Amino acid sequence: MEETRIAVDHVIGHLDDDLSAARLAAFAGVSERHLSRLFVEHICRTPSLVRDARLEAASQLLTGTRESVATIARRCGFASAESLRQAFVAWVGMSPSQYRTRDAEPESTPWAVQS
C-alpha cells in the first residue's frame, strides 16, 4: 500500500514530470508489473490514472484561470497544446477551448427575453 500512496502522491504533485510506468515504479521502488498490480489492488486503477489526473487538472485550469491552452498543457504534463486537445476531445468530447467557453457561458434564466 505504501508504494501505491507514494506513486499517487508523486503523480498529483508532479503532473509536468515524466510519469511513465517505468519512472513511477522506480520512484516507488518496485517493478512496473508490481506497481500495476498494486494500483489495481489498492485503488482499482492502473497507472493510466496519470492521464486522468492530468486531464482533471487541465479542466480545472481551463475554468479557473485565463492561462493559454499551451501553458495549461505544459503545466499538466502534455507535450503540446495539440496533445492536450486530442486527449481532451477523447475524454469529454470537445476541445479545451470549447470546454472553457461552454463553462463560461451564463446559464439561461426562465425570464430571459427570447429574440
PDB file of N, CA and C in Angstrom:
ATOM      1  N   MET A   1       0.828  -1.201   0.000  1.00  0.00           N
ATOM      2  CA  MET A   1       0.000   0.000   0.000  1.00  0.00           C
ATOM      3  C   MET A   1       0.864   1.254   0.000  1.00  0.00           C
ATOM      4  N   GLU A   2       1.946   1.229   0.737  1.00  0.00           N
ATOM      5  CA  GLU A   2       2.824   2.393   0.829  1.00  0.00           C
ATOM      6  C   GLU A   2       3.361   2.801  -0.542  1.00  0.00           C
ATOM      7  N   GLU A   3       3.755   1.817  -1.354  1.00  0.00           N
ATOM      8  CA  GLU A   3       4.283   2.120  -2.689  1.00  0.00           C
ATOM      9  C   GLU A   3       3.230   2.801  -3.555  1.00  0.00           C
ATOM     10  N   THR A   4       1.985   2.349  -3.429  1.00  0.00           N
ATOM     11  CA  THR A   4       0.893   2.942  -4.197  1.00  0.00           C
ATOM     12  C   THR A   4       0.691   4.390  -3.788  1.00  0.00           C
ATOM     13  N   ARG A   5       0.653   4.649  -2.486  1.00  0.00           N
ATOM     14  CA  ARG A   5       0.466   6.016  -1.984  1.00  0.00           C
ATOM     15  C   ARG A   5       1.599   6.925  -2.444  1.00  0.00           C
ATOM     16  N   ILE A   6       2.820   6.418  -2.372  1.00  0.00           N
ATOM     17  CA  ILE A   6       3.979   7.200  -2.808  1.00  0.00           C
ATOM     18  C   ILE A   6       3.839   7.571  -4.285  1.00  0.00           C
ATOM     19  N   ALA A   7       3.474   6.589  -5.102  1.00  0.00           N
ATOM     20  CA  ALA A   7       3.343   6.834  -6.543  1.00  0.00           C
ATOM     21  C   ALA A   7       2.214   7.816  -6.839  1.00  0.00           C
ATOM     22  N   VAL A   8       1.057   7.635  -6.214  1.00  0.00           N
ATOM     23  CA  VAL A   8      -0.090   8.520  -6.458  1.00  0.00           C
ATOM     24  C   VAL A   8       0.220   9.935  -5.993  1.00  0.00           C
ATOM     25  N   ASP A   9       0.815  10.077  -4.821  1.00  0.00           N
ATOM     26  CA  ASP A   9       1.188  11.405  -4.329  1.00  0.00           C
ATOM     27  C   ASP A   9       2.168  12.082  -5.286  1.00  0.00           C
ATOM     28  N   HIS A  10       3.091  11.299  -5.830  1.00  0.00           N
ATOM     29  CA  HIS A  10       4.054  11.852  -6.776  1.00  0.00           C
ATOM     30  C   HIS A  10       3.345  12.324  -8.048  1.00  0.00           C
ATOM     31  N   VAL A  11       2.401  11.537  -8.535  1.00  0.00           N
ATOM     32  CA  VAL A  11       1.647  11.922  -9.730  1.00  0.00           C
ATOM     33  C   VAL A  11       0.950  13.248  -9.489  1.00  0.00           C
ATOM     34  N   ILE A  12       0.218  13.342  -8.409  1.00  0.00           N
ATOM     35  CA  ILE A  12      -0.570  14.547  -8.127  1.00  0.00           C
ATOM     36  C   ILE A  12       0.307  15.782  -7.978  1.00  0.00           C
ATOM     37  N   GLY A  13       1.453  15.625  -7.382  1.00  0.00           N
ATOM     38  CA  GLY A  13       2.329  16.765  -7.146  1.00  0.00           C
ATOM     39  C   GLY A  13       3.269  17.112  -8.271  1.00  0.00           C
ATOM     40  N   HIS A  14       3.357  16.251  -9.283  1.00  0.00           N
ATOM     41  CA  HIS A  14       4.347  16.458 -10.341  1.00  0.00           C
ATOM     42  C   HIS A  14       3.773  16.147 -11.721  1.00  0.00           C
ATOM     43  N   LEU A  15       2.638  16.720 -12.045  1.00  0.00           N
ATOM     44  CA  LEU A  15       1.972  16.409 -13.312  1.00  0.00           C
ATOM     45  C   LEU A  15       2.820  16.713 -14.533  1.00  0.00           C
ATOM     46  N   ASP A  16       3.736  17.665 -14.419  1.00  0.00           N
ATOM     47  CA  ASP A  16       4.545  18.031 -15.581  1.00  0.00           C
ATOM     48  C   ASP A  16       5.826  17.204 -15.699  1.00  0.00           C
ATOM     49  N   ASP A  17       6.035  16.240 -14.803  1.00  0.00           N
ATOM     50  CA  ASP A  17       7.207  15.361 -14.865  1.00  0.00           C
ATOM     51  C   ASP A  17       6.953  14.174 -15.783  1.00  0.00           C
ATOM     52  N   ASP A  18       8.007  13.410 -16.019  1.00  0.00           N
ATOM     53  CA  ASP A  18       7.890  12.124 -16.712  1.00  0.00           C
ATOM     54  C   ASP A  18       7.214  11.167 -15.741  1.00  0.00           C
ATOM     55  N   LEU A  19       5.986  10.797 -16.034  1.00  0.00           N
ATOM     56  CA  LEU A  19       5.217   9.917 -15.156  1.00  0.00           C
ATOM     57  C   LEU A  19       4.925   8.582 -15.841  1.00  0.00           C
ATOM     58  N   SER A  20       5.880   8.133 -16.619  1.00  0.00           N
ATOM     59  CA  SER A  20       5.732   6.826 -17.256  1.00  0.00           C
ATOM     60  C   SER A  20       5.691   5.754 -16.170  1.00  0.00           C
ATOM     61  N   ALA A  21       5.156   4.602 -16.540  1.00  0.00           N
ATOM     62  CA  ALA A  21       5.077   3.496 -15.584  1.00  0.00           C
ATOM     63  C   ALA A  21       6.466   3.134 -15.066  1.00  0.00           C
ATOM     64  N   ALA A  22       7.450   3.166 -15.940  1.00  0.00           N
ATOM     65  CA  ALA A  22       8.820   2.836 -15.528  1.00  0.00           C
ATOM     66  C   ALA A  22       9.337   3.823 -14.485  1.00  0.00           C
ATOM     67  N   ARG A  23       9.111   5.104 -14.706  1.00  0.00           N
ATOM     68  CA  ARG A  23       9.586   6.122 -13.756  1.00  0.00           C
ATOM     69  C   ARG A  23       8.832   6.044 -12.432  1.00  0.00           C
ATOM     70  N   LEU A  24       7.515   5.839 -12.498  1.00  0.00           N
ATOM     71  CA  LEU A  24       6.745   5.714 -11.256  1.00  0.00           C
ATOM     72  C   LEU A  24       7.177   4.493 -10.461  1.00  0.00           C
ATOM     73  N   ALA A  25       7.406   3.400 -11.153  1.00  0.00           N
ATOM     74  CA  ALA A  25       7.845   2.178 -10.475  1.00  0.00           C
ATOM     75  C   ALA A  25       9.202   2.402  -9.816  1.00  0.00           C
ATOM     76  N   ALA A  26      10.115   3.022 -10.532  1.00  0.00           N
ATOM     77  CA  ALA A  26      11.436   3.304  -9.959  1.00  0.00           C
ATOM     78  C   ALA A  26      11.310   4.233  -8.762  1.00  0.00           C
ATOM     79  N   PHE A  27      10.458   5.238  -8.871  1.00  0.00           N
ATOM     80  CA  PHE A  27      10.246   6.175  -7.772  1.00  0.00           C
ATOM     81  C   PHE A  27       9.700   5.455  -6.536  1.00  0.00           C
ATOM     82  N   ALA A  28       8.782   4.499  -6.752  1.00  0.00           N
ATOM     83  CA  ALA A  28       8.177   3.764  -5.642  1.00  0.00           C
ATOM     84  C   ALA A  28       9.037   2.587  -5.181  1.00  0.00           C
ATOM     85  N   GLY A  29      10.084   2.265  -5.948  1.00  0.00           N
ATOM     86  CA  GLY A  29      10.977   1.189  -5.554  1.00  0.00           C
ATOM     87  C   GLY A  29      10.449  -0.211  -5.829  1.00  0.00           C
ATOM     88  N   VAL A  30       9.628  -0.331  -6.876  1.00  0.00           N
ATOM     89  CA  VAL A  30       9.077  -1.640  -7.255  1.00  0.00           C
ATOM     90  C   VAL A  30       9.184  -1.791  -8.769  1.00  0.00           C
ATOM     91  N   SER A  31       8.904  -2.987  -9.260  1.00  0.00           N
ATOM     92  CA  SER A  31       8.901  -3.199 -10.709  1.00  0.00           C
ATOM     93  C   SER A  31       7.629  -2.600 -11.309  1.00  0.00           C
ATOM     94  N   GLU A  32       7.650  -2.374 -12.616  1.00  0.00           N
ATOM     95  CA  GLU A  32       6.455  -1.848 -13.293  1.00  0.00           C
ATOM     96  C   GLU A  32       5.274  -2.793 -13.109  1.00  0.00           C
ATOM     97  N   ARG A  33       5.539  -4.064 -13.273  1.00  0.00           N
ATOM     98  CA  ARG A  33       4.469  -5.056 -13.150  1.00  0.00           C
ATOM     99  C   ARG A  33       3.876  -5.060 -11.741  1.00  0.00           C
ATOM    100  N   HIS A  34       4.757  -4.979 -10.742  1.00  0.00           N
ATOM    101  CA  HIS A  34       4.271  -4.971  -9.356  1.00  0.00           C
ATOM    102  C   HIS A  34       3.487  -3.680  -9.073  1.00  0.00           C
ATOM    103  N   LEU A  35       3.974  -2.566  -9.585  1.00  0.00           N
ATOM    104  CA  LEU A  35       3.248  -1.309  -9.388  1.00  0.00           C
ATOM    105  C   LEU A  35       1.856  -1.389 -10.007  1.00  0.00           C
ATOM    106  N   SER A  36       1.773  -1.951 -11.188  1.00  0.00           N
ATOM    107  CA  SER A  36       0.472  -2.109 -11.837  1.00  0.00           C
ATOM    108  C   SER A  36      -0.461  -2.968 -10.982  1.00  0.00           C
ATOM    109  N   ARG A  37       0.068  -4.056 -10.453  1.00  0.00           N
ATOM    110  CA  ARG A  37      -0.746  -4.912  -9.569  1.00  0.00           C
ATOM    111  C   ARG A  37      -1.193  -4.156  -8.321  1.00  0.00           C
ATOM    112  N   LEU A  38      -0.279  -3.398  -7.737  1.00  0.00           N
ATOM    113  CA  LEU A  38      -0.620  -2.639  -6.528  1.00  0.00           C
ATOM    114  C   LEU A  38      -1.708  -1.608  -6.818  1.00  0.00           C
ATOM    115  N   PHE A  39      -1.606  -0.928  -7.945  1.00  0.00           N
ATOM    116  CA  PHE A  39      -2.616   0.056  -8.312  1.00  0.00           C
ATOM    117  C   PHE A  39      -3.984  -0.608  -8.427  1.00  0.00           C
ATOM    118  N   VAL A  40      -4.032  -1.710  -9.142  1.00  0.00           N
ATOM    119  CA  VAL A  40      -5.312  -2.407  -9.322  1.00  0.00           C
ATOM    120  C   VAL A  40      -5.844  -2.893  -7.978  1.00  0.00           C
ATOM    121  N   GLU A  41      -4.967  -3.441  -7.151  1.00  0.00           N
ATOM    122  CA  GLU A  41      -5.385  -3.985  -5.852  1.00  0.00           C
ATOM    123  C   GLU A  41      -5.863  -2.898  -4.887  1.00  0.00           C
ATOM    124  N   HIS A  42      -5.155  -1.778  -4.831  1.00  0.00           N
ATOM    125  CA  HIS A  42      -5.445  -0.776  -3.806  1.00  0.00           C
ATOM    126  C   HIS A  42      -6.343   0.371  -4.249  1.00  0.00           C
ATOM    127  N   ILE A  43      -6.312   0.709  -5.532  1.00  0.00           N
ATOM    128  CA  ILE A  43      -7.153   1.832  -5.965  1.00  0.00           C
ATOM    129  C   ILE A  43      -8.014   1.477  -7.172  1.00  0.00           C
ATOM    130  N   CYS A  44      -8.016   0.211  -7.513  1.00  0.00           N
ATOM    131  CA  CYS A  44      -8.847  -0.289  -8.623  1.00  0.00           C
ATOM    132  C   CYS A  44      -8.577   0.461  -9.921  1.00  0.00           C
ATOM    133  N   ARG A  45      -7.351   0.849 -10.131  1.00  0.00           N
ATOM    134  CA  ARG A  45      -6.939   1.582 -11.329  1.00  0.00           C
ATOM    135  C   ARG A  45      -5.569   1.105 -11.746  1.00  0.00           C
ATOM    136  N   THR A  46      -5.266   1.251 -12.999  1.00  0.00           N
ATOM    137  CA  THR A  46      -3.915   1.012 -13.480  1.00  0.00           C
ATOM    138  C   THR A  46      -3.167   2.343 -13.418  1.00  0.00           C
ATOM    139  N   PRO A  47      -1.863   2.329 -13.653  1.00  0.00           N
ATOM    140  CA  PRO A  47      -1.137   3.607 -13.673  1.00  0.00           C
ATOM    141  C   PRO A  47      -1.627   4.581 -14.743  1.00  0.00           C
ATOM    142  N   SER A  48      -2.614   4.190 -15.551  1.00  0.00           N
ATOM    143  CA  SER A  48      -3.195   5.120 -16.518  1.00  0.00           C
ATOM    144  C   SER A  48      -3.907   6.276 -15.821  1.00  0.00           C
ATOM    145  N   LEU A  49      -4.013   6.207 -14.518  1.00  0.00           N
ATOM    146  CA  LEU A  49      -4.616   7.323 -13.785  1.00  0.00           C
ATOM    147  C   LEU A  49      -3.833   8.603 -14.004  1.00  0.00           C
ATOM    148  N   VAL A  50      -2.596   8.500 -14.475  1.00  0.00           N
ATOM    149  CA  VAL A  50      -1.785   9.687 -14.765  1.00  0.00           C
ATOM    150  C   VAL A  50      -2.512  10.570 -15.771  1.00  0.00           C
ATOM    151  N   ARG A  51      -2.991   9.986 -16.842  1.00  0.00           N
ATOM    152  CA  ARG A  51      -3.690  10.764 -17.872  1.00  0.00           C
ATOM    153  C   ARG A  51      -4.937  11.416 -17.294  1.00  0.00           C
ATOM    154  N   ASP A  52      -5.696  10.666 -16.503  1.00  0.00           N
ATOM    155  CA  ASP A  52      -6.904  11.230 -15.897  1.00  0.00           C
ATOM    156  C   ASP A  52      -6.575  12.378 -14.952  1.00  0.00           C
ATOM    157  N   ALA A  53      -5.509  12.238 -14.176  1.00  0.00           N
ATOM    158  CA  ALA A  53      -5.099  13.307 -13.261  1.00  0.00           C
ATOM    159  C   ALA A  53      -4.697  14.545 -14.046  1.00  0.00           C
ATOM    160  N   ARG A  54      -3.985  14.347 -15.149  1.00  0.00           N
ATOM    161  CA  ARG A  54      -3.583  15.483 -15.981  1.00  0.00           C
ATOM    162  C   ARG A  54      -4.790  16.163 -16.611  1.00  0.00           C
ATOM    163  N   LEU A  55      -5.741  15.377 -17.093  1.00  0.00           N
ATOM    164  CA  LEU A  55      -6.937  15.951 -17.706  1.00  0.00           C
ATOM    165  C   LEU A  55      -7.793  16.683 -16.682  1.00  0.00           C
ATOM    166  N   GLU A  56      -7.924  16.129 -15.502  1.00  0.00           N
ATOM    167  CA  GLU A  56      -8.702  16.794 -14.451  1.00  0.00           C
ATOM    168  C   GLU A  56      -8.053  18.126 -14.066  1.00  0.00           C
ATOM    169  N   ALA A  57      -6.743  18.117 -13.919  1.00  0.00           N
ATOM    170  CA  ALA A  57      -6.040  19.361 -13.603  1.00  0.00           C
ATOM    171  C   ALA A  57      -6.219  20.375 -14.724  1.00  0.00           C
ATOM    172  N   ALA A  58      -6.123  19.915 -15.968  1.00  0.00           N
ATOM    173  CA  ALA A  58      -6.312  20.818 -17.112  1.00  0.00           C
ATOM    174  C   ALA A  58      -7.715  21.400 -17.113  1.00  0.00           C
ATOM    175  N   SER A  59      -8.717  20.575 -16.821  1.00  0.00           N
ATOM    176  CA  SER A  59     -10.091  21.087 -16.815  1.00  0.00           C
ATOM    177  C   SER A  59     -10.265  22.156 -15.742  1.00  0.00           C
ATOM    178  N   GLN A  60      -9.644  21.968 -14.597  1.00  0.00           N
ATOM    179  CA  GLN A  60      -9.736  22.974 -13.529  1.00  0.00           C
ATOM    180  C   GLN A  60      -9.028  24.266 -13.919  1.00  0.00           C
ATOM    181  N   LEU A  61      -7.882  24.143 -14.570  1.00  0.00           N
ATOM    182  CA  LEU A  61      -7.170  25.342 -15.014  1.00  0.00           C
ATOM    183  C   LEU A  61      -7.920  26.053 -16.135  1.00  0.00           C
ATOM    184  N   LEU A  62      -8.557  25.300 -17.006  1.00  0.00           N
ATOM    185  CA  LEU A  62      -9.325  25.920 -18.089  1.00  0.00           C
ATOM    186  C   LEU A  62     -10.468  26.767 -17.553  1.00  0.00           C
ATOM    187  N   THR A  63     -11.124  26.285 -16.529  1.00  0.00           N
ATOM    188  CA  THR A  63     -12.275  27.014 -15.994  1.00  0.00           C
ATOM    189  C   THR A  63     -11.900  27.987 -14.880  1.00  0.00           C
ATOM    190  N   GLY A  64     -10.726  27.818 -14.300  1.00  0.00           N
ATOM    191  CA  GLY A  64     -10.359  28.658 -13.167  1.00  0.00           C
ATOM    192  C   GLY A  64      -9.294  29.694 -13.438  1.00  0.00           C
ATOM    193  N   THR A  65      -8.719  29.678 -14.638  1.00  0.00           N
ATOM    194  CA  THR A  65      -7.674  30.647 -14.973  1.00  0.00           C
ATOM    195  C   THR A  65      -7.889  31.160 -16.388  1.00  0.00           C
ATOM    196  N   ARG A  66      -7.097  32.142 -16.740  1.00  0.00           N
ATOM    197  CA  ARG A  66      -7.103  32.654 -18.107  1.00  0.00           C
ATOM    198  C   ARG A  66      -5.820  32.252 -18.838  1.00  0.00           C
ATOM    199  N   GLU A  67      -5.118  31.279 -18.303  1.00  0.00           N
ATOM    200  CA  GLU A  67      -3.884  30.830 -18.933  1.00  0.00           C
ATOM    201  C   GLU A  67      -4.186  30.255 -20.310  1.00  0.00           C
ATOM    202  N   SER A  68      -3.214  30.357 -21.194  1.00  0.00           N
ATOM    203  CA  SER A  68      -3.403  29.821 -22.546  1.00  0.00           C
ATOM    204  C   SER A  68      -3.463  28.298 -22.487  1.00  0.00           C
ATOM    205  N   VAL A  69      -4.056  27.725 -23.509  1.00  0.00           N
ATOM    206  CA  VAL A  69      -4.139  26.264 -23.593  1.00  0.00           C
ATOM    207  C   VAL A  69      -2.730  25.680 -23.645  1.00  0.00           C
ATOM    208  N   ALA A  70      -1.812  26.336 -24.324  1.00  0.00           N
ATOM    209  CA  ALA A  70      -0.435  25.844 -24.398  1.00  0.00           C
ATOM    210  C   ALA A  70       0.225  25.828 -23.015  1.00  0.00           C
ATOM    211  N   THR A  71       0.002  26.862 -22.231  1.00  0.00           N
ATOM    212  CA  THR A  71       0.566  26.919 -20.880  1.00  0.00           C
ATOM    213  C   THR A  71      -0.047  25.839 -20.000  1.00  0.00           C
ATOM    214  N   ILE A  72      -1.348  25.667 -20.103  1.00  0.00           N
ATOM    215  CA  ILE A  72      -2.030  24.628 -19.325  1.00  0.00           C
ATOM    216  C   ILE A  72      -1.512  23.247 -19.731  1.00  0.00           C
ATOM    217  N   ALA A  73      -1.324  23.040 -21.016  1.00  0.00           N
ATOM    218  CA  ALA A  73      -0.800  21.758 -21.492  1.00  0.00           C
ATOM    219  C   ALA A  73       0.554  21.469 -20.851  1.00  0.00           C
ATOM    220  N   ARG A  74       1.449  22.448 -20.857  1.00  0.00           N
ATOM    221  CA  ARG A  74       2.778  22.265 -20.253  1.00  0.00           C
ATOM    222  C   ARG A  74       2.674  21.995 -18.760  1.00  0.00           C
ATOM    223  N   ARG A  75       1.865  22.788 -18.062  1.00  0.00           N
ATOM    224  CA  ARG A  75       1.729  22.622 -16.606  1.00  0.00           C
ATOM    225  C   ARG A  75       1.183  21.254 -16.226  1.00  0.00           C
ATOM    226  N   CYS A  76       0.377  20.677 -17.094  1.00  0.00           N
ATOM    227  CA  CYS A  76      -0.264  19.397 -16.793  1.00  0.00           C
ATOM    228  C   CYS A  76       0.464  18.203 -17.402  1.00  0.00           C
ATOM    229  N   GLY A  77       1.608  18.445 -18.021  1.00  0.00           N
ATOM    230  CA  GLY A  77       2.435  17.348 -18.497  1.00  0.00           C
ATOM    231  C   GLY A  77       2.158  16.861 -19.907  1.00  0.00           C
ATOM    232  N   PHE A  78       1.419  17.622 -20.684  1.00  0.00           N
ATOM    233  CA  PHE A  78       1.188  17.249 -22.074  1.00  0.00           C
ATOM    234  C   PHE A  78       2.317  17.816 -22.930  1.00  0.00           C
ATOM    235  N   ALA A  79       2.706  17.091 -23.955  1.00  0.00           N
ATOM    236  CA  ALA A  79       3.828  17.502 -24.798  1.00  0.00           C
ATOM    237  C   ALA A  79       3.539  18.786 -25.573  1.00  0.00           C
ATOM    238  N   SER A  80       2.264  19.025 -25.867  1.00  0.00           N
ATOM    239  CA  SER A  80       1.892  20.206 -26.644  1.00  0.00           C
ATOM    240  C   SER A  80       0.412  20.513 -26.424  1.00  0.00           C
ATOM    241  N   ALA A  81       0.006  21.689 -26.899  1.00  0.00           N
ATOM    242  CA  ALA A  81      -1.413  22.041 -26.836  1.00  0.00           C
ATOM    243  C   ALA A  81      -2.229  21.059 -27.671  1.00  0.00           C
ATOM    244  N   GLU A  82      -1.663  20.586 -28.766  1.00  0.00           N
ATOM    245  CA  GLU A  82      -2.366  19.632 -29.626  1.00  0.00           C
ATOM    246  C   GLU A  82      -2.567  18.296 -28.921  1.00  0.00           C
ATOM    247  N   SER A  83      -1.574  17.827 -28.182  1.00  0.00           N
ATOM    248  CA  SER A  83      -1.757  16.554 -27.469  1.00  0.00           C
ATOM    249  C   SER A  83      -2.800  16.708 -26.366  1.00  0.00           C
ATOM    250  N   LEU A  84      -2.851  17.878 -25.715  1.00  0.00           N
ATOM    251  CA  LEU A  84      -3.915  18.135 -24.738  1.00  0.00           C
ATOM    252  C   LEU A  84      -5.264  18.144 -25.444  1.00  0.00           C
ATOM    253  N   ARG A  85      -5.338  18.804 -26.604  1.00  0.00           N
ATOM    254  CA  ARG A  85      -6.597  18.870 -27.335  1.00  0.00           C
ATOM    255  C   ARG A  85      -7.099  17.472 -27.689  1.00  0.00           C
ATOM    256  N   GLN A  86      -6.219  16.644 -28.218  1.00  0.00           N
ATOM    257  CA  GLN A  86      -6.619  15.292 -28.599  1.00  0.00           C
ATOM    258  C   GLN A  86      -7.104  14.492 -27.384  1.00  0.00           C
ATOM    259  N   ALA A  87      -6.377  14.573 -26.291  1.00  0.00           N
ATOM    260  CA  ALA A  87      -6.772  13.839 -25.081  1.00  0.00           C
ATOM    261  C   ALA A  87      -8.090  14.380 -24.534  1.00  0.00           C
ATOM    262  N   PHE A  88      -8.260  15.694 -24.594  1.00  0.00           N
ATOM    263  CA  PHE A  88      -9.468  16.319 -24.065  1.00  0.00           C
ATOM    264  C   PHE A  88     -10.689  15.934 -24.890  1.00  0.00           C
ATOM    265  N   VAL A  89     -10.534  15.923 -26.213  1.00  0.00           N
ATOM    266  CA  VAL A  89     -11.645  15.523 -27.086  1.00  0.00           C
ATOM    267  C   VAL A  89     -12.037  14.084 -26.786  1.00  0.00           C
ATOM    268  N   ALA A  90     -11.063  13.215 -26.608  1.00  0.00           N
ATOM    269  CA  ALA A  90     -11.362  11.813 -26.290  1.00  0.00           C
ATOM    270  C   ALA A  90     -12.027  11.688 -24.918  1.00  0.00           C
ATOM    271  N   TRP A  91     -11.670  12.553 -23.984  1.00  0.00           N
ATOM    272  CA  TRP A  91     -12.164  12.483 -22.604  1.00  0.00           C
ATOM    273  C   TRP A  91     -13.568  13.060 -22.448  1.00  0.00           C
ATOM    274  N   VAL A  92     -13.803  14.270 -22.988  1.00  0.00           N
ATOM    275  CA  VAL A  92     -15.098  14.939 -22.787  1.00  0.00           C
ATOM    276  C   VAL A  92     -15.847  15.260 -24.074  1.00  0.00           C
ATOM    277  N   GLY A  93     -15.250  14.940 -25.223  1.00  0.00           N
ATOM    278  CA  GLY A  93     -15.948  15.152 -26.481  1.00  0.00           C
ATOM    279  C   GLY A  93     -15.897  16.565 -27.024  1.00  0.00           C
ATOM    280  N   MET A  94     -15.007  17.384 -26.502  1.00  0.00           N
ATOM    281  CA  MET A  94     -14.846  18.747 -27.024  1.00  0.00           C
ATOM    282  C   MET A  94     -13.419  19.212 -26.765  1.00  0.00           C
ATOM    283  N   SER A  95     -13.011  20.229 -27.496  1.00  0.00           N
ATOM    284  CA  SER A  95     -11.661  20.762 -27.337  1.00  0.00           C
ATOM    285  C   SER A  95     -11.559  21.544 -26.028  1.00  0.00           C
ATOM    286  N   PRO A  96     -10.339  21.788 -25.561  1.00  0.00           N
ATOM    287  CA  PRO A  96     -10.180  22.602 -24.351  1.00  0.00           C
ATOM    288  C   PRO A  96     -10.805  23.987 -24.494  1.00  0.00           C
ATOM    289  N   SER A  97     -10.664  24.588 -25.661  1.00  0.00           N
ATOM    290  CA  SER A  97     -11.250  25.926 -25.874  1.00  0.00           C
ATOM    291  C   SER A  97     -12.769  25.876 -25.804  1.00  0.00           C
ATOM    292  N   GLN A  98     -13.368  24.869 -26.413  1.00  0.00           N
ATOM    293  CA  GLN A  98     -14.827  24.719 -26.333  1.00  0.00           C
ATOM    294  C   GLN A  98     -15.267  24.485 -24.890  1.00  0.00           C
ATOM    295  N   TYR A  99     -14.512  23.677 -24.166  1.00  0.00           N
ATOM    296  CA  TYR A  99     -14.832  23.396 -22.761  1.00  0.00           C
ATOM    297  C   TYR A  99     -14.792  24.679 -21.942  1.00  0.00           C
ATOM    298  N   ARG A 100     -13.775  25.481 -22.162  1.00  0.00           N
ATOM    299  CA  ARG A 100     -13.630  26.741 -21.426  1.00  0.00           C
ATOM    300  C   ARG A 100     -14.785  27.683 -21.768  1.00  0.00           C
ATOM    301  N   THR A 101     -15.126  27.786 -23.033  1.00  0.00           N
ATOM    302  CA  THR A 101     -16.212  28.663 -23.465  1.00  0.00           C
ATOM    303  C   THR A 101     -17.552  28.181 -22.932  1.00  0.00           C
ATOM    304  N   ARG A 102     -17.795  26.888 -23.022  1.00  0.00           N
ATOM    305  CA  ARG A 102     -19.047  26.319 -22.544  1.00  0.00           C
ATOM    306  C   ARG A 102     -19.223  26.570 -21.055  1.00  0.00           C
ATOM    307  N   ASP A 103     -18.141  26.400 -20.305  1.00  0.00           N
ATOM    308  CA  ASP A 103     -18.228  26.580 -18.863  1.00  0.00           C
ATOM    309  C   ASP A 103     -18.420  28.045 -18.494  1.00  0.00           C
ATOM    310  N   ALA A 104     -17.953  28.955 -19.341  1.00  0.00           N
ATOM    311  CA  ALA A 104     -18.055  30.379 -19.043  1.00  0.00           C
ATOM    312  C   ALA A 104     -19.403  30.975 -19.422  1.00  0.00           C
ATOM    313  N   GLU A 105     -20.188  30.271 -20.236  1.00  0.00           N
ATOM    314  CA  GLU A 105     -21.474  30.803 -20.669  1.00  0.00           C
ATOM    315  C   GLU A 105     -22.458  30.823 -19.506  1.00  0.00           C
ATOM    316  N   PRO A 106     -23.118  31.955 -19.307  1.00  0.00           N
ATOM    317  CA  PRO A 106     -24.102  32.000 -18.237  1.00  0.00           C
ATOM    318  C   PRO A 106     -25.289  31.103 -18.566  1.00  0.00           C
ATOM    319  N   GLU A 107     -25.824  30.499 -17.544  1.00  0.00           N
ATOM    320  CA  GLU A 107     -26.995  29.653 -17.762  1.00  0.00           C
ATOM    321  C   GLU A 107     -28.193  30.539 -18.071  1.00  0.00           C
ATOM    322  N   SER A 108     -29.063  30.049 -18.938  1.00  0.00           N
ATOM    323  CA  SER A 108     -30.236  30.849 -19.280  1.00  0.00           C
ATOM    324  C   SER A 108     -31.183  30.873 -18.091  1.00  0.00           C
ATOM    325  N   THR A 109     -31.866  31.969 -17.976  1.00  0.00           N
ATOM    326  CA  THR A 109     -32.836  32.104 -16.895  1.00  0.00           C
ATOM    327  C   THR A 109     -34.239  32.035 -17.484  1.00  0.00           C
ATOM    328  N   PRO A 110     -35.214  31.620 -16.701  1.00  0.00           N
ATOM    329  CA  PRO A 110     -36.549  31.493 -17.246  1.00  0.00           C
ATOM    330  C   PRO A 110     -37.151  32.807 -17.696  1.00  0.00           C
ATOM    331  N   TRP A 111     -36.657  33.934 -17.186  1.00  0.00           N
ATOM    332  CA  TRP A 111     -37.241  35.223 -17.541  1.00  0.00           C
ATOM    333  C   TRP A 111     -36.486  35.923 -18.669  1.00  0.00           C
ATOM    334  N   ALA A 112     -35.477  35.249 -19.241  1.00  0.00           N
ATOM    335  CA  ALA A 112     -34.692  35.849 -20.322  1.00  0.00           C
ATOM    336  C   ALA A 112     -35.580  36.078 -21.534  1.00  0.00           C
ATOM    337  N   VAL A 113     -35.390  37.222 -22.177  1.00  0.00           N
ATOM    338  CA  VAL A 113     -36.168  37.558 -23.365  1.00  0.00           C
ATOM    339  C   VAL A 113     -35.606  36.777 -24.550  1.00  0.00           C
ATOM    340  N   GLN A 114     -36.469  36.084 -25.235  1.00  0.00           N
ATOM    341  CA  GLN A 114     -36.058  35.328 -26.416  1.00  0.00           C
ATOM    342  C   GLN A 114     -36.196  36.219 -27.637  1.00  0.00           C
ATOM    343  N   SER A 115     -35.172  36.254 -28.480  1.00  0.00           N
ATOM    344  CA  SER A 115     -35.299  37.074 -29.684  1.00  0.00           C
ATOM    345  C   SER A 115     -35.621  36.233 -30.882  1.00  0.00           C
TER     346      SER A 115
END
